[in-house]
Amino acid sequence: MRKTILIPTDFSVQSLSVLKSILGNNSSKNNFNIVLTHGYTLSNSIMDLLFYSKNQQINELKTSEFNQALEVIKNKYQSQINSITIKLFNGFTVAAFNTFLEANCIEEIFIADQKMNFKNKKSFNLGPFIKKCNGKFTTVNVTSFSEATVKDKVAEVFNQMSIG
């Protein structure tokens, strides 16, 4: 059965631990359409909006470590992943978030039990929208990454996957 899920991301390796947990504990062997979503406030400047590109903004927010970890997850769980897309949510209201969920056919939202670390001042937490929306959401307990360098975090994802 194919299921479309949303996972909020801050484009850190740690934020992918929710995805890894879902795929690693998938006993029903569902196939997933995964929508990684990031809250991002648009500029008020007309010039900025004229030249705004969601894909360019996503590429600026992603890190090479995030890309590497995402590729590892894609390779390890390719039989369970139908698609992975990354989208920005630019709304300000719960109604706008509900419309976003409906437009993307989201069946369930999975959030981490840990706080996200946003590095861009225009990024915002989707948690308040998720908790008030019409969609079903599940909080996932993820093992905390140790305070280590980013390289160690990527290596930790590799090690957890080879063990699990």
Protein backbone atom coordinates (compact mmCIF):
# COMPACT_ATOMS: atom_id res chain seq x y z
CA MET A 1 0.00 0.00 0.00
CA ARG A 2 1.30 3.46 -0.89
CA LYS A 3 1.12 6.14 1.82
CA THR A 4 2.01 9.84 1.58
CA ILE A 5 3.68 11.23 4.69
CA LEU A 6 5.07 14.61 5.71
CA ILE A 7 8.18 15.05 7.83
CA PRO A 8 9.31 18.53 8.91
CA THR A 9 13.00 19.19 8.31
CA ASP A 10 15.58 21.79 9.24
CA PHE A 11 17.99 20.33 6.66
CA SER A 12 20.21 18.78 9.31
CA VAL A 13 21.30 15.15 9.41
CA GLN A 14 19.52 14.87 12.76
CA SER A 15 16.16 15.76 11.18
CA LEU A 16 16.45 12.69 8.94
CA SER A 17 16.45 10.41 11.99
CA VAL A 18 12.61 10.56 11.93
CA LEU A 19 12.60 9.24 8.36
CA LYS A 20 15.11 6.53 9.24
CA SER A 21 13.01 5.49 12.25
CA ILE A 22 9.80 5.26 10.20
CA LEU A 23 11.42 3.22 7.44
CA GLY A 24 13.34 1.03 9.88
CA ASN A 25 10.19 0.18 11.86
CA ASN A 26 7.90 -0.33 8.84
CA SER A 27 6.42 -3.72 9.69
CA SER A 28 3.51 -3.34 7.27
CA LYS A 29 5.96 -2.91 4.39
CA ASN A 30 4.15 0.16 3.08
CA ASN A 31 5.65 2.12 0.21
CA PHE A 32 5.96 5.80 1.03
CA ASN A 33 5.71 9.05 -0.86
CA ILE A 34 7.75 11.23 1.49
CA VAL A 35 7.37 15.00 1.61
CA LEU A 36 10.16 16.67 3.62
CA THR A 37 8.82 20.12 4.49
CA HIS A 38 10.51 23.25 5.77
CA GLY A 39 8.77 26.40 7.01
CA TYR A 40 10.17 29.49 5.29
CA THR A 41 8.98 33.10 5.44
CA LEU A 42 8.93 34.92 2.12
CA SER A 43 10.42 38.37 1.73
CA ASN A 44 8.16 41.43 1.51
CA SER A 45 10.35 42.95 -1.19
CA ILE A 46 8.87 42.97 -4.68
CA MET A 47 12.33 42.53 -6.21
CA ASP A 48 13.02 39.48 -4.03
CA LEU A 49 9.67 37.97 -4.97
CA LEU A 50 10.21 38.60 -8.68
CA PHE A 51 13.36 36.51 -8.68
CA TYR A 52 12.28 34.00 -6.02
CA SER A 53 12.72 30.31 -6.81
CA LYS A 54 11.68 27.59 -4.36
CA ASN A 55 14.19 25.16 -5.85
CA GLN A 56 17.02 27.67 -5.52
CA GLN A 57 16.01 28.42 -1.93
CA ILE A 58 15.90 24.70 -1.06
CA ASN A 59 19.36 24.21 -2.58
CA GLU A 60 20.70 27.09 -0.48
CA LEU A 61 19.21 25.61 2.71
CA LYS A 62 20.44 22.03 2.14
CA THR A 63 23.89 21.02 3.31
CA SER A 64 26.17 18.46 1.70
CA GLU A 65 25.93 16.35 4.86
CA PHE A 66 22.13 16.38 4.62
CA ASN A 67 22.33 15.33 0.96
CA GLN A 68 24.76 12.51 1.81
CA ALA A 69 22.60 11.20 4.65
CA LEU A 70 19.47 11.40 2.47
CA GLU A 71 21.23 9.37 -0.25
CA VAL A 72 22.24 6.73 2.31
CA ILE A 73 18.62 6.43 3.46
CA LYS A 74 17.37 6.28 -0.16
CA ASN A 75 19.82 3.48 -0.96
CA LYS A 76 19.17 1.44 2.16
CA TYR A 77 15.37 1.68 2.04
CA GLN A 78 14.79 1.97 -1.72
CA SER A 79 12.20 -0.82 -1.69
CA GLN A 80 10.03 1.19 0.75
CA ILE A 81 10.43 4.61 -0.88
CA ASN A 82 8.29 5.49 -3.85
CA SER A 83 9.37 9.15 -3.91
CA ILE A 84 11.01 11.82 -1.77
CA THR A 85 10.25 15.47 -2.41
CA ILE A 86 11.37 18.55 -0.53
CA LYS A 87 8.91 21.43 -0.24
CA LEU A 88 8.77 24.80 1.44
CA PHE A 89 5.68 25.93 3.34
CA ASN A 90 5.29 29.71 3.17
CA GLY A 91 1.90 30.16 4.83
CA PHE A 92 1.00 31.99 8.02
CA THR A 93 -2.18 30.24 9.15
CA VAL A 94 -3.39 26.78 10.08
CA ALA A 95 -5.93 27.03 7.23
CA ALA A 96 -3.06 27.57 4.79
CA PHE A 97 -1.26 24.56 6.27
CA ASN A 98 -4.41 22.43 5.93
CA THR A 99 -4.60 23.47 2.27
CA PHE A 100 -0.92 22.54 1.85
CA LEU A 101 -1.63 19.09 3.35
CA GLU A 102 -4.64 18.58 1.09
CA ALA A 103 -2.81 19.74 -2.05
CA ASN A 104 0.02 17.28 -1.34
CA CYS A 105 -2.37 14.42 -0.39
CA ILE A 106 -0.68 14.01 3.03
CA GLU A 107 -2.13 11.08 4.98
CA GLU A 108 0.04 11.35 8.10
CA ILE A 109 2.62 13.68 9.61
CA PHE A 110 5.58 12.44 11.65
CA ILE A 111 7.43 14.83 13.95
CA ALA A 112 10.50 14.33 16.11
CA ASP A 113 10.39 14.52 19.87
CA GLN A 114 13.38 16.87 19.65
CA LYS A 115 13.60 20.57 18.90
CA MET A 116 14.78 21.57 15.44
CA ASN A 117 17.78 23.83 14.94
CA PHE A 118 17.08 26.41 12.24
CA LYS A 119 20.14 28.10 10.76
CA ASN A 120 18.30 30.58 8.56
CA LYS A 121 16.54 33.54 10.17
CA LYS A 122 13.59 33.18 7.75
CA SER A 123 12.95 29.56 8.73
CA PHE A 124 10.19 28.76 11.19
CA ASN A 125 8.93 25.80 13.19
CA LEU A 126 6.00 23.89 11.69
CA GLY A 127 5.13 22.37 15.09
CA PRO A 128 2.33 24.81 16.01
CA PHE A 129 0.68 24.30 12.59
CA ILE A 130 0.98 20.52 12.84
CA LYS A 131 -0.54 20.36 16.31
CA LYS A 132 -3.56 22.42 15.25
CA CYS A 133 -4.11 21.03 11.74
CA ASN A 134 -6.78 18.61 10.56
CA GLY A 135 -4.22 15.93 9.68
CA LYS A 136 -3.14 12.95 11.74
CA PHE A 137 0.27 13.39 13.34
CA THR A 138 2.55 11.06 15.25
CA THR A 139 5.50 12.00 17.45
CA VAL A 140 8.50 9.76 16.82
CA ASN A 141 11.03 9.08 19.55
CA VAL A 142 14.44 9.31 17.97
CA THR A 143 17.75 8.59 19.57
CA SER A 144 19.56 11.78 20.33
CA PHE A 145 22.65 12.48 18.32
CA SER A 146 25.64 13.19 20.47
CA GLU A 147 27.21 16.62 20.40
CA ALA A 148 29.68 15.80 17.68
CA THR A 149 30.91 17.25 14.45
CA VAL A 150 28.72 17.03 11.39
CA LYS A 151 31.06 14.43 9.89
CA ASP A 152 30.53 12.26 12.96
CA LYS A 153 26.76 12.66 12.61
CA VAL A 154 26.85 11.43 9.02
CA ALA A 155 29.07 8.54 10.09
CA GLU A 156 26.62 7.80 12.91
CA VAL A 157 23.78 7.51 10.36
CA PHE A 158 25.93 5.05 8.36
CA ASN A 159 26.72 3.03 11.50
CA GLN A 160 23.12 2.94 12.71
CA MET A 161 22.00 1.72 9.31
CA SER A 162 24.60 -1.03 9.10
CA ILE A 163 23.71 -2.21 12.60
CA GLY A 164 19.90 -1.92 12.14
